């Protein structure tokens, strides 16, 4: 019975933490575009009708580019 006195407050703190994490994720826009990634996975990058913001950027133009065998 004494264990319940520590488990109940622990679960309340954990539950409030998860609700806070959910609210933080919603405010940061994690759930704004639920279908965009699924559609982008099926689209061809060379499609001329594909909007420019949906095209994948060239990895060599990124700021944090890791060298690989093609760069040598």
C-alpha atoms as a PDB file:
ATOM      1  CA  UNK A   1       0.000   0.000   0.000  1.00  0.00           C
ATOM      2  CA  UNK A   2       2.899   2.358   0.722  1.00  0.00           C
ATOM      3  CA  UNK A   3       4.115   1.951  -2.855  1.00  0.00           C
ATOM      4  CA  UNK A   4       0.928   3.545  -4.192  1.00  0.00           C
ATOM      5  CA  UNK A   5       1.770   6.759  -2.340  1.00  0.00           C
ATOM      6  CA  UNK A   6       4.881   7.154  -4.497  1.00  0.00           C
ATOM      7  CA  UNK A   7       3.513   5.712  -7.754  1.00  0.00           C
ATOM      8  CA  UNK A   8       0.486   8.014  -8.040  1.00  0.00           C
ATOM      9  CA  UNK A   9       2.471  11.288  -7.837  1.00  0.00           C
ATOM     10  CA  UNK A  10       5.119   9.805 -10.126  1.00  0.00           C
ATOM     11  CA  UNK A  11       2.542   8.925 -12.775  1.00  0.00           C
ATOM     12  CA  UNK A  12       0.922  12.365 -12.462  1.00  0.00           C
ATOM     13  CA  UNK A  13       4.294  14.055 -13.037  1.00  0.00           C
ATOM     14  CA  UNK A  14       5.056  11.750 -15.977  1.00  0.00           C
ATOM     15  CA  UNK A  15       1.597  12.338 -17.486  1.00  0.00           C
ATOM     16  CA  UNK A  16       1.872  16.122 -17.146  1.00  0.00           C
ATOM     17  CA  UNK A  17       5.327  15.952 -18.726  1.00  0.00           C
ATOM     18  CA  UNK A  18       3.945  14.057 -21.719  1.00  0.00           C
ATOM     19  CA  UNK A  19       1.076  16.526 -22.134  1.00  0.00           C
ATOM     20  CA  UNK A  20       3.622  19.364 -21.999  1.00  0.00           C
ATOM     21  CA  UNK A  21       5.735  17.604 -24.643  1.00  0.00           C
ATOM     22  CA  UNK A  22       2.667  17.191 -26.876  1.00  0.00           C
ATOM     23  CA  UNK A  23       1.760  20.874 -26.548  1.00  0.00           C
ATOM     24  CA  UNK A  24       5.365  21.866 -27.311  1.00  0.00           C
ATOM     25  CA  UNK A  25       5.373  19.671 -30.455  1.00  0.00           C
ATOM     26  CA  UNK A  26       2.079  21.124 -31.671  1.00  0.00           C
ATOM     27  CA  UNK A  27       3.315  24.703 -31.177  1.00  0.00           C
ATOM     28  CA  UNK A  28       6.511  23.913 -33.103  1.00  0.00           C
ATOM     29  CA  UNK A  29       4.462  22.715 -36.097  1.00  0.00           C
ATOM     30  CA  UNK A  30       5.218  18.990 -35.970  1.00  0.00           C
ATOM     31  CA  UNK A  31       1.666  18.113 -37.029  1.00  0.00           C
ATOM     32  CA  UNK A  32       1.070  20.824 -39.663  1.00  0.00           C
ATOM     33  CA  UNK A  33       1.672  18.699 -42.786  1.00  0.00           C
ATOM     34  CA  UNK A  34       0.753  15.092 -42.096  1.00  0.00           C
ATOM     35  CA  UNK A  35       0.515  13.935 -45.707  1.00  0.00           C
ATOM     36  CA  UNK A  36       3.317  15.916 -47.357  1.00  0.00           C
ATOM     37  CA  UNK A  37       6.137  13.515 -46.494  1.00  0.00           C
ATOM     38  CA  UNK A  38       4.122  10.515 -47.651  1.00  0.00           C
ATOM     39  CA  UNK A  39       3.400  12.173 -50.992  1.00  0.00           C
ATOM     40  CA  UNK A  40       6.988  13.379 -51.437  1.00  0.00           C
ATOM     41  CA  UNK A  41       8.217   9.821 -50.964  1.00  0.00           C
ATOM     42  CA  UNK A  42       6.255   8.725 -54.044  1.00  0.00           C
ATOM     43  CA  UNK A  43       7.129  11.709 -56.262  1.00  0.00           C
ATOM     44  CA  UNK A  44      10.007  11.795 -58.688  1.00  0.00           C
ATOM     45  CA  UNK A  45      12.590  14.537 -58.009  1.00  0.00           C
ATOM     46  CA  UNK A  46      13.006  15.251 -61.736  1.00  0.00           C
ATOM     47  CA  UNK A  47       9.302  15.913 -62.291  1.00  0.00           C
ATOM     48  CA  UNK A  48       8.969  19.393 -63.859  1.00  0.00           C
ATOM     49  CA  UNK A  49       5.546  19.854 -62.246  1.00  0.00           C
ATOM     50  CA  UNK A  50       6.997  19.375 -58.754  1.00  0.00           C
ATOM     51  CA  UNK A  51       7.189  22.677 -56.837  1.00  0.00           C
ATOM     52  CA  UNK A  52      10.732  23.850 -56.117  1.00  0.00           C
ATOM     53  CA  UNK A  53      10.273  23.786 -52.342  1.00  0.00           C
ATOM     54  CA  UNK A  54       9.452  20.071 -52.549  1.00  0.00           C
ATOM     55  CA  UNK A  55      12.529  19.140 -54.570  1.00  0.00           C
ATOM     56  CA  UNK A  56      15.386  17.652 -52.632  1.00  0.00           C
ATOM     57  CA  UNK A  57      18.358  19.932 -52.314  1.00  0.00           C
ATOM     58  CA  UNK A  58      21.745  18.902 -53.641  1.00  0.00           C
ATOM     59  CA  UNK A  59      23.726  17.408 -50.728  1.00  0.00           C
ATOM     60  CA  UNK A  60      26.935  19.034 -51.982  1.00  0.00           C
ATOM     61  CA  UNK A  61      25.406  22.491 -51.437  1.00  0.00           C
ATOM     62  CA  UNK A  62      24.550  21.886 -47.793  1.00  0.00           C
ATOM     63  CA  UNK A  63      26.583  23.584 -45.097  1.00  0.00           C
ATOM     64  CA  UNK A  64      27.300  20.370 -43.199  1.00  0.00           C
ATOM     65  CA  UNK A  65      28.480  18.172 -46.023  1.00  0.00           C
ATOM     66  CA  UNK A  66      30.372  15.011 -45.130  1.00  0.00           C
ATOM     67  CA  UNK A  67      32.927  14.003 -47.758  1.00  0.00           C
ATOM     68  CA  UNK A  68      32.503  10.650 -49.408  1.00  0.00           C
ATOM     69  CA  UNK A  69      34.164   8.645 -52.162  1.00  0.00           C
ATOM     70  CA  UNK A  70      32.633  10.794 -54.941  1.00  0.00           C
ATOM     71  CA  UNK A  71      34.307  13.951 -53.614  1.00  0.00           C
ATOM     72  CA  UNK A  72      37.860  12.652 -54.031  1.00  0.00           C
END
